[in-house]
Every structure is written in structure tokens, then in C-alpha cells.
Amino acid sequence: MDRQPLIAELVENMGFLGRHIFMSHAGKGLKKGAPTRAQIGIMLVVMHAGASSVKELAGKFCMSSSAVTQLVDGMVKEKLLKREEDGKDRRRIAVSLTEKGKKVVLKAKKERLAHFTTLLTPLNDTELKQLHNIQQKILTHLS
């Protein structure tokens, strides 16, 4: 198979996997007050990047600052995030995780790991290592 059709098929397969993952989580644990996927995404970024401004989060998610503000407002109300003045620049308001937010993110990560463990069951250990190496090569190229 030529390179371009193979890449097109890989893109289609990745899209299918993404939709499968999204749909497998749709409706699970979405009780009233549970964080949305977008909220979980913001909390994951804040967990890994540390306290961030709304503008920084908007840039990372390619969203408007007002859309991120709405998400953050809901999470502050639910005590998942907190706003704090930056010690160096009082004009900058940073968003950080609360203890409740950390617990929610860790639970979401645990559920995602369980789902991916099931999803990758057909691969043997050698194939998992190959997939890991391929991912690392792509990530290194992106850096």
C-alpha cells in the first residue's frame, strides 16, 4: 500500500477510536453535578501545568476566554477549582485545583486507564511496546 492511502486509513482508524472512546464514556457517571469532559480536560491541564490563567487555558483549548470563564465559573461554584491572585502580578488571576478537584481528576484518570486497558487487550506485550515506541517517535517529532 502506498504511503498516502495508508496515512488516510490511519487517520480514519484514529477517528473511529476517538469516537468509540467518547461514546463509551457518554452517559457513564453523568449524574447531576458531575464534571463534563471539557471540565475534566481543564482540570487535567491545571493539574499538569499548575495554576493557569483563563487566557492561558483558552489558548491551550483553542477556545475563547469567555467560554473558558464559563467552564471555570461552574467548577469554582462546585469547589473543583479556586481562583487566586498571582503573588507577583496582582492583575493576574490564576486558577488551581482544590482537593476535591484533585480527587475528581484522579478518579477520571483511573477510569480512563481501565478503559484503555480493556481497549488494548488484543495487543500482546511486544505489540504494546511497539505502539509505545511509535507514540514516542511521533511525540518527539512534535516537540
Protein backbone atom coordinates (compact mmCIF):
# COMPACT_ATOMS: atom_id res chain seq x y z
CA MET A 1 0.00 0.00 0.00
CA ASP A 2 1.31 3.47 -0.87
CA ARG A 3 2.13 5.91 1.94
CA GLN A 4 -0.70 8.42 1.38
CA PRO A 5 -3.59 5.88 1.36
CA LEU A 6 -2.04 4.22 4.42
CA ILE A 7 -1.93 7.56 6.26
CA ALA A 8 -5.55 8.23 5.23
CA GLU A 9 -6.57 4.85 6.65
CA LEU A 10 -4.66 5.53 9.89
CA VAL A 11 -6.47 8.87 10.23
CA GLU A 12 -9.83 7.14 9.71
CA ASN A 13 -8.93 4.48 12.27
CA MET A 14 -7.85 7.09 14.83
CA GLY A 15 -11.12 8.96 14.27
CA PHE A 16 -13.08 5.75 14.83
CA LEU A 17 -11.12 5.02 18.02
CA GLY A 18 -11.73 8.57 19.26
CA ARG A 19 -15.47 8.27 18.61
CA HIS A 20 -15.52 4.84 20.28
CA ILE A 21 -13.79 6.20 23.38
CA PHE A 22 -16.10 9.22 23.50
CA MET A 23 -19.25 7.12 23.08
CA SER A 24 -18.15 4.53 25.62
CA HIS A 25 -17.98 7.29 28.23
CA ALA A 26 -21.17 9.05 27.12
CA GLY A 27 -23.84 8.57 29.72
CA LYS A 28 -21.49 6.90 32.23
CA GLY A 29 -21.34 8.67 35.53
CA LEU A 30 -23.00 11.77 34.12
CA LYS A 31 -25.18 12.39 37.11
CA LYS A 32 -26.27 15.87 38.03
CA GLY A 33 -23.29 17.94 39.09
CA ALA A 34 -20.71 15.56 37.59
CA PRO A 35 -17.98 17.36 35.62
CA THR A 36 -18.23 17.38 31.84
CA ARG A 37 -15.46 16.18 29.52
CA ALA A 38 -14.46 19.81 28.92
CA GLN A 39 -14.25 20.46 32.65
CA ILE A 40 -12.17 17.31 33.19
CA GLY A 41 -9.87 18.47 30.37
CA ILE A 42 -9.34 21.83 32.04
CA MET A 43 -8.68 20.20 35.40
CA LEU A 44 -6.14 17.82 33.80
CA VAL A 45 -4.27 20.74 32.24
CA VAL A 46 -4.27 22.65 35.54
CA MET A 47 -3.08 19.52 37.35
CA HIS A 48 -0.15 19.05 34.97
CA ALA A 49 0.72 22.68 34.16
CA GLY A 50 -0.02 24.16 37.57
CA ALA A 51 -2.05 27.29 38.27
CA SER A 52 -3.07 28.88 34.97
CA SER A 53 -4.91 31.99 33.87
CA VAL A 54 -8.13 31.80 31.89
CA LYS A 55 -6.27 33.27 28.91
CA GLU A 56 -3.63 30.51 29.09
CA LEU A 57 -6.32 27.83 29.30
CA ALA A 58 -8.23 29.36 26.39
CA GLY A 59 -5.06 29.21 24.30
CA LYS A 60 -4.44 25.56 25.13
CA PHE A 61 -8.01 24.57 24.22
CA CYS A 62 -8.43 26.91 21.23
CA MET A 63 -11.47 28.41 22.93
CA SER A 64 -12.50 31.95 23.70
CA SER A 65 -11.67 33.34 27.12
CA SER A 66 -15.38 33.82 27.77
CA ALA A 67 -16.10 30.12 27.07
CA VAL A 68 -13.32 29.06 29.45
CA THR A 69 -14.55 31.57 32.03
CA GLN A 70 -17.99 29.93 31.93
CA LEU A 71 -16.44 26.50 32.47
CA VAL A 72 -14.20 27.78 35.25
CA ASP A 73 -17.11 29.60 36.95
CA GLY A 74 -19.04 26.34 37.14
CA MET A 75 -16.05 24.49 38.54
CA VAL A 76 -15.36 27.20 41.12
CA LYS A 77 -19.01 27.01 42.17
CA GLU A 78 -18.67 23.21 42.54
CA LYS A 79 -15.42 23.75 44.51
CA LEU A 80 -13.33 21.85 41.93
CA LEU A 81 -11.17 24.90 41.13
CA LYS A 82 -10.24 28.04 43.01
CA ARG A 83 -9.14 31.47 41.81
CA GLU A 84 -6.12 33.12 43.38
CA GLU A 85 -4.25 36.36 42.84
CA ASP A 86 -0.77 35.88 41.45
CA GLY A 87 1.77 36.85 44.12
CA LYS A 88 3.99 38.56 41.54
CA ASP A 89 1.26 40.25 39.47
CA ARG A 90 -1.97 41.10 41.29
CA ARG A 91 -3.70 41.73 37.95
CA ARG A 92 -3.29 38.05 37.03
CA ILE A 93 -5.84 35.66 38.48
CA ALA A 94 -4.66 32.05 38.45
CA VAL A 95 -6.93 29.02 38.51
CA SER A 96 -5.80 25.99 40.52
CA LEU A 97 -7.26 22.69 41.66
CA THR A 98 -8.89 22.22 45.03
CA GLU A 99 -8.54 18.97 46.96
CA LYS A 100 -12.00 17.99 45.70
CA GLY A 101 -10.86 18.76 42.14
CA LYS A 102 -7.74 16.61 42.56
CA LYS A 103 -9.89 13.68 43.70
CA VAL A 104 -12.20 14.09 40.70
CA VAL A 105 -9.27 14.21 38.26
CA LEU A 106 -7.58 11.18 39.81
CA LYS A 107 -10.84 9.24 39.60
CA ALA A 108 -11.26 10.22 35.93
CA LYS A 109 -7.67 9.17 35.17
CA LYS A 110 -8.25 5.82 36.89
CA GLU A 111 -11.41 5.24 34.84
CA ARG A 112 -9.62 6.21 31.62
CA LEU A 113 -6.76 3.81 32.38
CA ALA A 114 -9.23 0.98 33.00
CA HIS A 115 -10.98 1.74 29.71
CA PHE A 116 -7.73 1.83 27.73
CA THR A 117 -6.55 -1.37 29.41
CA THR A 118 -9.66 -3.07 28.04
CA LEU A 119 -9.30 -1.37 24.66
CA LEU A 120 -5.70 -2.57 24.27
CA THR A 121 -6.41 -6.16 25.38
CA PRO A 122 -5.94 -7.58 21.84
CA LEU A 123 -2.29 -6.47 21.82
CA ASN A 124 0.41 -8.69 23.26
CA ASP A 125 3.34 -7.24 25.25
CA THR A 126 5.56 -6.91 22.17
CA GLU A 127 2.85 -5.06 20.26
CA LEU A 128 2.22 -2.75 23.23
CA LYS A 129 5.94 -1.89 23.30
CA GLN A 130 5.87 -1.25 19.55
CA LEU A 131 2.85 1.04 19.94
CA HIS A 132 4.60 2.86 22.77
CA ASN A 133 7.75 3.32 20.67
CA ILE A 134 5.72 4.64 17.74
CA GLN A 135 3.87 7.09 20.01
CA GLN A 136 7.17 8.29 21.46
CA LYS A 137 8.61 8.81 17.99
CA ILE A 138 5.58 10.92 16.97
CA LEU A 139 5.66 12.91 20.22
CA THR A 140 9.39 13.57 19.84
CA HIS A 141 8.74 14.84 16.31
CA LEU A 142 6.06 17.21 17.64
CA SER A 143 8.44 18.72 20.21
